[in-house]
Amino acid sequence: MHILILYLTLIRNRVNTPEHNGKVERLHRTVEEECLWRVPREQQNSLQAVNYALTQHTLWYNSKRRHLGYKMNKLTPQQKIEDWIINNQTSPEFSGEVNETLILYIIASSQNDCNPLGS
């Protein structure tokens, strides 16, 4: 329903075509290399231990790890989003919304036909 309201198009990839989903596949590889490979062997079958490792990695990845991707300028994703929000005004119809950050992000993506994070 939100897709129709914001005039976004949902595009699904065909099964077994990782070349169409390169950014997500690269993220999966990064998570494996930087996080899952470091979970001790005796804990790899523990859902709780793996979830804990993934949570810690996600927090670090988004708030501490500097990114070298397109237009990231060695900023963290959190810094990039905060910078964009500070430098862009909210539409009056969305001011005061609990999910204002997400709304700003979605509006920017649809208006600019690109990702404000630069990826």
Protein backbone atom coordinates (compact mmCIF):
# COMPACT_ATOMS: atom_id res chain seq x y z
CA MET A 1 0.00 0.00 0.00
CA HIS A 2 2.81 2.44 0.84
CA ILE A 3 4.47 1.66 -2.46
CA LEU A 4 1.43 2.94 -4.34
CA ILE A 5 1.14 6.05 -2.17
CA LEU A 6 4.78 7.06 -2.71
CA TYR A 7 4.79 6.07 -6.40
CA LEU A 8 7.59 3.57 -5.91
CA THR A 9 8.03 0.56 -8.13
CA LEU A 10 8.74 -2.85 -6.64
CA ILE A 11 11.14 -4.84 -8.81
CA ARG A 12 11.76 -8.49 -8.03
CA ASN A 13 14.81 -10.40 -9.22
CA ARG A 14 14.51 -13.74 -10.94
CA VAL A 15 15.58 -16.76 -8.93
CA ASN A 16 19.26 -17.79 -9.30
CA THR A 17 20.42 -14.48 -10.81
CA PRO A 18 22.85 -13.03 -8.24
CA GLU A 19 24.25 -10.64 -10.85
CA HIS A 20 20.95 -8.73 -10.63
CA ASN A 21 21.29 -8.43 -6.88
CA GLY A 22 24.97 -7.54 -6.56
CA LYS A 23 24.73 -5.03 -3.70
CA VAL A 24 22.79 -7.39 -1.49
CA GLU A 25 25.07 -10.31 -2.35
CA ARG A 26 28.09 -8.15 -1.47
CA LEU A 27 26.53 -7.25 1.87
CA HIS A 28 25.95 -10.94 2.57
CA ARG A 29 29.62 -11.65 1.85
CA THR A 30 30.73 -8.76 4.07
CA VAL A 31 28.58 -10.01 6.96
CA GLU A 32 30.00 -13.51 6.55
CA GLU A 33 33.61 -12.30 6.43
CA GLU A 34 33.42 -9.63 9.14
CA CYS A 35 30.97 -11.30 11.51
CA LEU A 36 29.94 -14.91 11.06
CA TRP A 37 33.44 -16.28 10.46
CA ARG A 38 34.41 -14.87 13.87
CA VAL A 39 31.73 -16.73 15.82
CA PRO A 40 33.55 -19.53 17.67
CA ARG A 41 32.92 -22.97 16.18
CA GLU A 42 31.32 -24.29 19.37
CA GLN A 43 28.76 -21.44 19.25
CA GLN A 44 27.86 -21.60 15.55
CA ASN A 45 24.85 -23.85 16.23
CA SER A 46 23.49 -21.53 18.91
CA LEU A 47 20.83 -19.22 17.48
CA GLN A 48 21.24 -16.90 20.46
CA ALA A 49 25.02 -16.58 19.95
CA VAL A 50 24.69 -15.96 16.21
CA ASN A 51 21.89 -13.41 16.72
CA TYR A 52 24.02 -11.62 19.30
CA ALA A 53 27.00 -11.50 16.91
CA LEU A 54 24.80 -10.21 14.07
CA THR A 55 23.27 -7.52 16.27
CA GLN A 56 26.68 -6.33 17.44
CA HIS A 57 28.01 -6.35 13.88
CA THR A 58 25.01 -4.42 12.53
CA LEU A 59 25.41 -1.72 15.17
CA TRP A 60 29.12 -1.41 14.43
CA TYR A 61 28.62 -1.57 10.64
CA ASN A 62 26.07 1.26 10.60
CA SER A 63 27.51 3.55 13.27
CA LYS A 64 31.29 3.03 13.44
CA ARG A 65 32.54 1.45 10.19
CA ARG A 66 33.49 4.07 7.62
CA HIS A 67 32.32 3.19 4.12
CA LEU A 68 34.17 3.71 0.85
CA GLY A 69 31.15 3.26 -1.43
CA TYR A 70 29.95 5.70 -4.05
CA LYS A 71 29.41 9.18 -2.52
CA MET A 72 29.97 7.90 1.03
CA ASN A 73 33.14 10.01 1.53
CA LYS A 74 34.35 7.69 4.32
CA LEU A 75 31.23 8.38 6.41
CA THR A 76 29.27 5.79 8.31
CA PRO A 77 25.71 5.10 7.07
CA GLN A 78 24.38 6.77 10.22
CA GLN A 79 26.45 9.92 9.53
CA LYS A 80 25.32 9.97 5.90
CA ILE A 81 21.63 9.73 6.81
CA GLU A 82 21.94 12.32 9.60
CA ASP A 83 23.76 14.71 7.26
CA TRP A 84 21.06 14.32 4.64
CA ILE A 85 18.23 14.88 7.15
CA ILE A 86 19.88 17.99 8.58
CA ASN A 87 20.31 19.48 5.11
CA ASN A 88 16.79 18.69 3.81
CA GLN A 89 13.41 19.94 4.95
CA THR A 90 10.50 17.70 5.86
CA SER A 91 7.29 18.12 3.91
CA PRO A 92 4.69 19.78 6.18
CA GLU A 93 2.34 16.82 5.70
CA PHE A 94 4.86 14.52 7.44
CA SER A 95 6.17 16.79 10.21
CA GLY A 96 5.85 15.28 13.65
CA GLU A 97 5.65 11.73 12.32
CA VAL A 98 7.30 9.06 14.45
CA ASN A 99 8.97 7.60 11.34
CA GLU A 100 10.09 10.97 9.98
CA THR A 101 13.61 9.71 9.25
CA LEU A 102 12.31 6.82 7.18
CA ILE A 103 9.78 9.06 5.43
CA LEU A 104 12.51 11.56 4.51
CA TYR A 105 14.67 8.74 3.19
CA ILE A 106 11.87 7.27 1.05
CA ILE A 107 10.83 10.67 -0.32
CA ALA A 108 14.40 11.52 -1.28
CA SER A 109 14.86 8.18 -2.98
CA SER A 110 11.70 8.56 -5.03
CA GLN A 111 12.19 12.24 -5.93
CA ASN A 112 15.85 11.96 -6.86
CA ASP A 113 15.45 8.53 -8.40
CA CYS A 114 18.50 7.53 -6.40
CA ASN A 115 19.50 6.46 -2.95
CA PRO A 116 20.42 9.42 -0.69
CA LEU A 117 23.05 7.22 0.88
CA GLY A 118 24.84 7.12 -2.45
CA SER A 119 24.98 3.35 -2.79
